[in-house]
Protein backbone atom coordinates (compact mmCIF):
# COMPACT_ATOMS: atom_id res chain seq x y z
CA UNK A 1 -9.75 -24.56 13.39
CA UNK A 2 -6.79 -25.12 11.07
CA UNK A 3 -5.42 -21.70 10.22
CA UNK A 4 -3.50 -21.26 7.01
CA UNK A 5 -0.43 -20.25 9.03
CA UNK A 6 -0.02 -19.38 12.71
CA UNK A 7 3.17 -17.40 13.17
CA UNK A 8 2.94 -17.68 16.95
CA UNK A 9 3.29 -21.46 16.61
CA UNK A 10 6.26 -21.09 14.27
CA UNK A 11 7.99 -18.76 16.72
CA UNK A 12 7.09 -20.96 19.69
CA UNK A 13 9.07 -23.86 18.21
CA UNK A 14 12.28 -21.99 19.11
CA UNK A 15 10.91 -19.48 21.59
CA UNK A 16 13.66 -19.76 24.21
CA UNK A 17 16.47 -19.30 21.67
CA UNK A 18 14.69 -16.40 20.01
CA UNK A 19 14.10 -14.72 23.38
CA UNK A 20 17.79 -15.12 24.22
CA UNK A 21 18.81 -13.68 20.83
CA UNK A 22 16.55 -10.63 21.22
CA UNK A 23 17.70 -10.09 24.80
CA UNK A 24 21.32 -10.27 23.69
CA UNK A 25 20.78 -7.46 21.19
CA UNK A 26 18.71 -5.30 23.53
CA UNK A 27 21.21 -5.60 26.36
CA UNK A 28 24.17 -5.15 24.02
CA UNK A 29 23.00 -1.68 23.01
CA UNK A 30 24.04 -1.94 19.33
CA UNK A 31 20.97 -2.04 17.09
CA UNK A 32 22.14 -1.48 13.49
CA UNK A 33 25.03 -2.78 11.38
CA UNK A 34 26.63 -4.66 14.22
CA UNK A 35 27.89 -8.12 15.10
CA UNK A 36 24.58 -9.93 14.54
CA UNK A 37 24.45 -8.60 10.99
CA UNK A 38 28.03 -9.61 10.34
CA UNK A 39 27.47 -13.11 11.65
CA UNK A 40 24.15 -13.65 9.88
CA UNK A 41 25.57 -12.46 6.58
CA UNK A 42 28.49 -14.86 6.92
CA UNK A 43 26.28 -17.78 7.97
CA UNK A 44 23.68 -17.22 5.27
CA UNK A 45 26.30 -16.77 2.54
CA UNK A 46 27.86 -20.05 3.63
CA UNK A 47 24.45 -21.75 3.64
CA UNK A 48 23.50 -20.46 0.18
CA UNK A 49 26.98 -21.04 -1.23
CA UNK A 50 28.05 -17.54 -2.26
CA UNK A 51 30.97 -15.33 -1.30
CA UNK A 52 28.73 -12.46 -0.24
CA UNK A 53 25.49 -11.83 1.59
CA UNK A 54 24.36 -8.24 2.16
CA UNK A 55 21.46 -7.71 4.53
CA UNK A 56 18.79 -5.15 3.66
CA UNK A 57 15.38 -3.93 4.77
CA UNK A 58 13.08 -6.31 2.88
CA UNK A 59 12.72 -8.54 -0.16
CA UNK A 60 11.60 -5.81 -2.53
CA UNK A 61 14.65 -3.74 -1.65
CA UNK A 62 16.92 -6.71 -2.32
CA UNK A 63 15.75 -6.83 -5.94
CA UNK A 64 15.74 -3.03 -6.30
CA UNK A 65 19.29 -2.83 -4.96
CA UNK A 66 20.60 -5.46 -7.38
CA UNK A 67 19.17 -3.69 -10.40
CA UNK A 68 20.20 -0.25 -9.17
CA UNK A 69 23.71 -1.53 -8.54
CA UNK A 70 23.98 -2.78 -12.11
CA UNK A 71 22.89 0.65 -13.33
CA UNK A 72 25.50 2.35 -11.14
CA UNK A 73 28.11 -0.10 -12.45
CA UNK A 74 27.22 0.72 -16.07
CA UNK A 75 25.91 -2.78 -16.82
CA UNK A 76 22.36 -1.51 -17.37
CA UNK A 77 20.74 1.79 -18.18
CA UNK A 78 17.24 3.25 -18.29
CA UNK A 79 15.07 1.55 -20.91
CA UNK A 80 16.92 -1.77 -20.85
CA UNK A 81 14.76 -4.88 -20.67
CA UNK A 82 14.50 -7.54 -17.98
CA UNK A 83 12.63 -10.74 -18.77
CA UNK A 84 10.42 -11.82 -15.87
CA UNK A 85 7.61 -14.37 -15.36
CA UNK A 86 4.15 -12.93 -15.93
CA UNK A 87 2.63 -14.70 -12.92
CA UNK A 88 5.03 -13.44 -10.26
CA UNK A 89 4.19 -11.34 -7.22
CA UNK A 90 4.15 -7.63 -8.00
CA UNK A 91 7.39 -6.92 -6.10
CA UNK A 92 9.51 -8.62 -8.78
CA UNK A 93 8.10 -6.29 -11.42
CA UNK A 94 8.04 -3.14 -9.29
CA UNK A 95 11.77 -3.52 -8.66
CA UNK A 96 12.31 -3.41 -12.42
CA UNK A 97 10.07 -0.46 -13.25
CA UNK A 98 11.21 1.56 -10.22
CA UNK A 99 14.70 1.51 -11.75
CA UNK A 100 13.52 2.82 -15.13
CA UNK A 101 13.91 -0.62 -16.71
CA UNK A 102 11.33 -2.40 -18.84
CA UNK A 103 9.82 -5.73 -17.74
CA UNK A 104 9.17 -8.25 -20.51
CA UNK A 105 6.51 -10.66 -19.29
CA UNK A 106 6.85 -14.32 -20.24
CA UNK A 107 4.19 -16.93 -19.53
CA UNK A 108 4.81 -19.77 -17.02
CA UNK A 109 4.42 -23.48 -17.53
CA UNK A 110 1.04 -24.74 -16.32
CA UNK A 111 2.59 -27.77 -14.60
CA UNK A 112 5.35 -26.05 -12.63
CA UNK A 113 4.07 -22.43 -12.36
CA UNK A 114 7.63 -21.33 -13.24
CA UNK A 115 8.71 -19.26 -16.24
CA UNK A 116 8.45 -21.36 -19.41
CA UNK A 117 12.03 -21.83 -20.59
CA UNK A 118 10.70 -22.75 -24.05
CA UNK A 119 9.43 -19.18 -24.46
CA UNK A 120 12.32 -17.21 -22.99
CA UNK A 121 14.63 -16.99 -25.98
CA UNK A 122 11.99 -15.51 -28.27
CA UNK A 123 11.59 -12.66 -25.76
CA UNK A 124 15.25 -11.64 -26.03
CA UNK A 125 15.95 -8.41 -27.94
CA UNK A 126 19.05 -6.21 -28.33
CA UNK A 127 17.86 -4.24 -25.27
CA UNK A 128 17.58 -7.32 -23.02
CA UNK A 129 20.14 -7.22 -20.23
CA UNK A 130 18.83 -9.71 -17.68
CA UNK A 131 16.52 -12.61 -16.99
CA UNK A 132 14.92 -12.65 -13.55
CA UNK A 133 13.67 -16.07 -12.55
CA UNK A 134 11.30 -16.32 -9.60
CA UNK A 135 11.31 -19.52 -7.58
CA UNK A 136 7.56 -19.15 -7.09
CA UNK A 137 5.78 -21.12 -4.35
CA UNK A 138 9.18 -22.51 -3.29
CA UNK A 139 9.81 -24.49 -6.48
CA UNK A 140 13.13 -24.14 -8.32
CA UNK A 141 12.66 -22.15 -11.54
CA UNK A 142 16.16 -22.68 -12.92
CA UNK A 143 16.78 -25.05 -15.82
CA UNK A 144 19.87 -25.86 -17.87
CA UNK A 145 18.15 -24.25 -20.85
CA UNK A 146 17.79 -20.98 -18.93
CA UNK A 147 21.47 -21.05 -18.01
CA UNK A 148 22.43 -21.68 -21.63
CA UNK A 149 20.25 -18.84 -22.93
CA UNK A 150 21.82 -16.39 -20.49
CA UNK A 151 25.33 -17.45 -21.47
CA UNK A 152 24.71 -17.27 -25.21
CA UNK A 153 23.03 -13.86 -25.06
CA UNK A 154 25.25 -12.35 -22.37
CA UNK A 155 22.36 -11.85 -19.94
CA UNK A 156 22.63 -11.40 -16.21
CA UNK A 157 20.74 -14.20 -14.47
CA UNK A 158 18.92 -12.85 -11.41
CA UNK A 159 17.01 -14.90 -8.87
CA UNK A 160 14.01 -13.81 -6.85
CA UNK A 161 14.50 -16.28 -4.01
CA UNK A 162 11.87 -14.78 -1.70
CA UNK A 163 9.90 -18.03 -1.46
CA UNK A 164 12.56 -20.72 -1.83
CA UNK A 165 15.05 -20.60 1.05
CA UNK A 166 16.89 -23.91 1.06
CA UNK A 167 15.70 -25.13 -2.33
CA UNK A 168 18.30 -26.86 -4.50
CA UNK A 169 19.21 -27.52 -8.12
CA UNK A 170 21.60 -30.44 -8.19
CA UNK A 171 24.22 -29.72 -5.55
CA UNK A 172 23.66 -25.95 -5.47
CA UNK A 173 21.07 -23.92 -3.60
CA UNK A 174 18.78 -21.39 -5.17
CA UNK A 175 20.28 -18.00 -4.49
CA UNK A 176 23.62 -19.17 -5.86
CA UNK A 177 22.58 -20.25 -9.37
CA UNK A 178 22.84 -16.87 -11.11
CA UNK A 179 24.77 -13.62 -10.92
CA UNK A 180 22.80 -12.30 -7.94
CA UNK A 181 19.74 -13.15 -5.89
CA UNK A 182 17.25 -11.27 -3.76
CA UNK A 183 15.83 -12.86 -0.60
CA UNK A 184 12.85 -11.91 1.54
CA UNK A 185 12.59 -12.84 5.21
CA UNK A 186 9.00 -11.63 5.60
CA UNK A 187 7.57 -13.40 8.68
CA UNK A 188 5.54 -15.95 6.69
CA UNK A 189 8.48 -17.20 4.63
CA UNK A 190 10.21 -20.53 5.21
CA UNK A 191 12.99 -18.48 6.80
CA UNK A 192 11.04 -15.64 8.36
CA UNK A 193 12.04 -12.77 10.63
CA UNK A 194 9.82 -11.07 13.21
CA UNK A 195 9.27 -8.19 10.80
CA UNK A 196 10.52 -7.09 7.41
CA UNK A 197 14.01 -8.16 6.40
CA UNK A 198 15.89 -9.13 3.24
CA UNK A 199 19.27 -9.88 1.72
CA UNK A 200 21.26 -10.04 -1.51
CA UNK A 201 23.59 -12.95 -2.27
CA UNK A 202 26.25 -12.92 -4.99
CA UNK A 203 29.80 -13.95 -5.87
CA UNK A 204 30.43 -10.57 -7.51
CA UNK A 205 32.67 -8.45 -5.28
CA UNK A 206 31.85 -5.15 -7.00
CA UNK A 207 28.13 -5.82 -6.99
CA UNK A 208 28.15 -6.70 -3.29
CA UNK A 209 30.04 -3.51 -2.39
CA UNK A 210 27.73 -1.39 -4.53
CA UNK A 211 24.60 -2.98 -3.03
CA UNK A 212 25.91 -2.39 0.48
CA UNK A 213 26.62 1.29 -0.24
CA UNK A 214 23.28 1.83 -1.98
CA UNK A 215 21.43 0.42 1.02
CA UNK A 216 23.28 2.89 3.23
CA UNK A 217 22.06 6.03 1.43
CA UNK A 218 24.67 5.49 -1.30
CA UNK A 219 27.55 5.80 1.15
CA UNK A 220 30.55 3.48 1.32
CA UNK A 221 32.29 5.87 3.74
CA UNK A 222 30.54 7.81 6.49
CA UNK A 223 29.05 11.11 5.30
CA UNK A 224 30.44 10.61 1.78
CA UNK A 225 27.71 9.84 -0.78
CA UNK A 226 28.89 8.58 -4.16
CA UNK A 227 25.45 7.40 -5.29
CA UNK A 228 21.81 8.26 -4.69
CA UNK A 229 20.91 5.34 -2.49
CA UNK A 230 18.23 4.57 0.07
CA UNK A 231 17.97 3.51 3.69
CA UNK A 232 17.64 -0.27 3.56
CA UNK A 233 19.45 -2.04 6.35
CA UNK A 234 18.84 -5.28 8.23
CA UNK A 235 18.45 -4.43 11.90
CA UNK A 236 20.28 -6.35 14.59
CA UNK A 237 17.22 -7.93 16.20
CA UNK A 238 16.04 -9.41 12.91
CA UNK A 239 19.55 -10.64 12.11
CA UNK A 240 19.75 -12.33 15.52
CA UNK A 241 16.35 -14.00 15.08
CA UNK A 242 17.25 -15.18 11.58
CA UNK A 243 20.47 -16.72 12.90
CA UNK A 244 18.39 -18.87 15.25
CA UNK A 245 15.87 -19.93 12.63
CA UNK A 246 18.50 -20.62 9.94
CA UNK A 247 19.78 -23.53 12.05
CA UNK A 248 16.41 -25.27 11.68
CA UNK A 249 15.59 -24.35 8.07
CA UNK A 250 16.47 -27.69 6.48
CA UNK A 251 14.58 -29.56 9.20
CA UNK A 252 11.52 -27.34 8.69
CA UNK A 253 11.68 -27.77 4.92
CA UNK A 254 11.84 -31.55 5.34
CA UNK A 255 8.67 -31.41 7.44
CA UNK A 256 6.97 -29.37 4.73
CA UNK A 257 8.01 -31.90 2.10
CA UNK A 258 6.57 -34.80 4.09
CA UNK A 259 3.21 -33.06 4.22
CA UNK A 260 3.35 -32.23 0.51
CA UNK A 261 4.02 -35.86 -0.36
CA UNK A 262 1.04 -36.93 1.75
CA UNK A 263 -1.14 -34.43 -0.07
CA UNK A 264 -0.20 -35.65 -3.53
CA UNK A 265 -0.47 -39.27 -2.46
CA UNK A 266 -3.85 -39.01 -0.74
CA UNK A 267 -5.87 -36.21 -2.36
CA UNK A 268 -7.79 -37.83 -5.21
CA UNK A 269 -10.69 -35.46 -5.96
CA UNK A 270 -10.85 -35.19 -9.79
CA UNK A 271 -11.96 -31.55 -9.50
CA UNK A 272 -8.54 -30.65 -8.12
CA UNK A 273 -5.22 -30.44 -9.95
CA UNK A 274 -2.23 -30.86 -7.66
CA UNK A 275 1.52 -30.61 -8.23
CA UNK A 276 3.03 -33.95 -9.21
CA UNK A 277 5.73 -35.87 -7.37
CA UNK A 278 8.52 -34.46 -9.54
CA UNK A 279 7.35 -30.94 -8.71
CA UNK A 280 7.39 -31.76 -5.00
CA UNK A 281 10.92 -33.15 -5.11
CA UNK A 282 12.18 -29.82 -6.49
CA UNK A 283 10.40 -27.57 -4.01
CA UNK A 284 10.64 -26.40 -0.40
CA UNK A 285 6.86 -25.89 -0.40
CA UNK A 286 6.51 -22.33 0.76
CA UNK A 287 3.08 -22.58 -0.83
CA UNK A 288 1.15 -25.72 -1.84
CA UNK A 289 -1.00 -24.67 -4.82
CA UNK A 290 -4.21 -26.51 -5.66
CA UNK A 291 -5.91 -25.63 -8.95
CA UNK A 292 -9.68 -25.75 -9.14
CA UNK A 293 -12.11 -24.28 -11.66
CA UNK A 294 -14.49 -23.68 -8.74
CA UNK A 295 -11.77 -22.12 -6.62
CA UNK A 296 -13.97 -19.61 -4.79
CA UNK A 297 -16.55 -22.28 -3.90
CA UNK A 298 -13.75 -24.53 -2.65
CA UNK A 299 -12.36 -21.75 -0.47
CA UNK A 300 -15.80 -21.06 1.05
CA UNK A 301 -16.36 -24.80 1.63
CA UNK A 302 -13.08 -25.13 3.53
CA UNK A 303 -13.65 -21.94 5.52
CA UNK A 304 -17.10 -23.18 6.60
CA UNK A 305 -15.38 -26.29 7.96
CA UNK A 306 -12.64 -24.45 9.83
CA UNK A 307 -9.76 -24.63 7.35
CA UNK A 308 -8.03 -21.40 6.35
CA UNK A 309 -6.61 -20.91 2.86
CA UNK A 310 -4.97 -18.18 0.80
CA UNK A 311 -4.99 -17.18 -2.88
CA UNK A 312 -1.58 -16.48 -4.42
CA UNK A 313 -2.53 -14.25 -6.18
CA UNK A 314 -6.07 -13.16 -7.15
CA UNK A 315 -5.06 -10.52 -9.75
CA UNK A 316 -2.07 -11.01 -12.08
CA UNK A 317 0.37 -8.10 -12.44
CA UNK A 318 -0.70 -7.26 -16.00
CA UNK A 319 -4.29 -6.75 -14.80
CA UNK A 320 -3.38 -4.41 -11.95
CA UNK A 321 -4.37 -0.75 -12.13
CA UNK A 322 -0.79 0.36 -11.48
CA UNK A 323 0.16 -1.20 -14.84
CA UNK A 324 -2.94 -0.12 -16.74
CA UNK A 325 -0.93 0.00 -19.96
CA UNK A 326 -0.69 -3.81 -19.78
CA UNK A 327 -4.34 -4.49 -19.02
CA UNK A 328 -5.03 -5.60 -22.59
CA UNK A 329 -2.25 -8.21 -22.67
CA UNK A 330 -3.39 -11.74 -23.48
CA UNK A 331 -1.60 -14.10 -21.11
CA UNK A 332 -3.95 -17.09 -20.80
CA UNK A 333 -1.75 -19.43 -18.75
CA UNK A 334 -1.04 -16.71 -16.19
CA UNK A 335 -4.67 -15.69 -16.05
CA UNK A 336 -5.85 -19.25 -15.50
CA UNK A 337 -3.38 -19.77 -12.66
CA UNK A 338 -4.51 -16.59 -10.94
CA UNK A 339 -8.15 -17.54 -11.49
CA UNK A 340 -7.90 -21.11 -10.16
CA UNK A 341 -5.06 -21.21 -7.60
CA UNK A 342 -5.84 -21.92 -3.94
CA UNK A 343 -3.11 -22.37 -1.32
CA UNK A 344 -3.94 -24.95 1.33
CA UNK A 345 -2.28 -25.14 4.77
CA UNK A 346 1.23 -26.58 4.72
CA UNK A 347 3.84 -25.74 7.34
CA UNK A 348 6.05 -27.40 9.93
CA UNK A 349 3.63 -26.77 12.83
CA UNK A 350 0.83 -28.93 11.40
CA UNK A 351 -0.07 -32.18 13.16
CA UNK A 352 -0.92 -35.45 11.43
CA UNK A 353 -4.55 -34.88 12.41
CA UNK A 354 -4.47 -31.46 10.73
CA UNK A 355 -3.15 -32.99 7.52
CA UNK A 356 -5.70 -35.83 7.66
CA UNK A 357 -8.51 -33.29 8.05
CA UNK A 358 -7.38 -31.22 5.06
CA UNK A 359 -7.09 -34.35 2.90
CA UNK A 360 -10.53 -35.63 3.94
CA UNK A 361 -12.25 -32.32 3.30
CA UNK A 362 -10.66 -31.88 -0.11
CA UNK A 363 -11.65 -35.39 -1.14
CA UNK A 364 -15.23 -34.79 0.07
CA UNK A 365 -15.64 -31.52 -1.86
CA UNK A 366 -18.51 -31.86 -4.32
């Protein structure tokens, strides 16, 4: 059996160090907002290339906190618009609507799955205050055109970096390309905790301070509440675990890339559409998407032969019941991606035999 992802195997790669890190926290007796948080924030900020990293409870909160901070700072207000890719995971959009802001959905490119930078500018209105790019599947969504549009229209450039830890654009890492970025350390991510965890990275001193206070109930000083915040803090055990795994992130991403390059070089079934080599060189391969018009049959075929897969994601945001007012939107590229996408196993614990088996089965699919 080749499972889509076995978190026990991922953890086992560094089990002794993780055990030591957890033991250190447990025996130290300080479980929130302590030394492990301070050190992880410093190490992750240095890795990403920003002045600030603020730990928080999860990836959704990281995006919510950024937007809420801009509202508290007077940069945005209720009803302002945020451009966002139509094919993203629901968390990107929920963070916008939960702050009383209006998402403006823009179609992705069919070849990269990232927001189509040729369509962004026509979505800008006088109410647009930000563009949120999502480095979906681990592929960098930033382009020079996107940067230019944001500069010319005075837009905040926000990054949803939940799936792209360690990805680069030129000499910079995703998470440092815009004004602020949200990060998720959900266990299945390339940099995953042993539970929920997240962070915000930015070079903006005021934004970082505001995010930190908002995640502590809106308090920058104990028992003094200047804003209506929430409880969203990175706990010490997760920070300690992330410090261990951060040391191996680039090595793990390199292993993922080697597998991805084997897939694109060896899978030749004409029924399947795979990312191209250029795509793979600009990705850390959190997800390896295969497009197939007979996606559900392909998933059953692989399952019957002991290979686990995932669908990211079966229902696009504009077709979800929670956004019923969007259900009539016509977004054909997004809808095709959600109808045909199948994620095949790709992670640093896979053996060469595992990869050979996946390739053989995909090529034999009729």
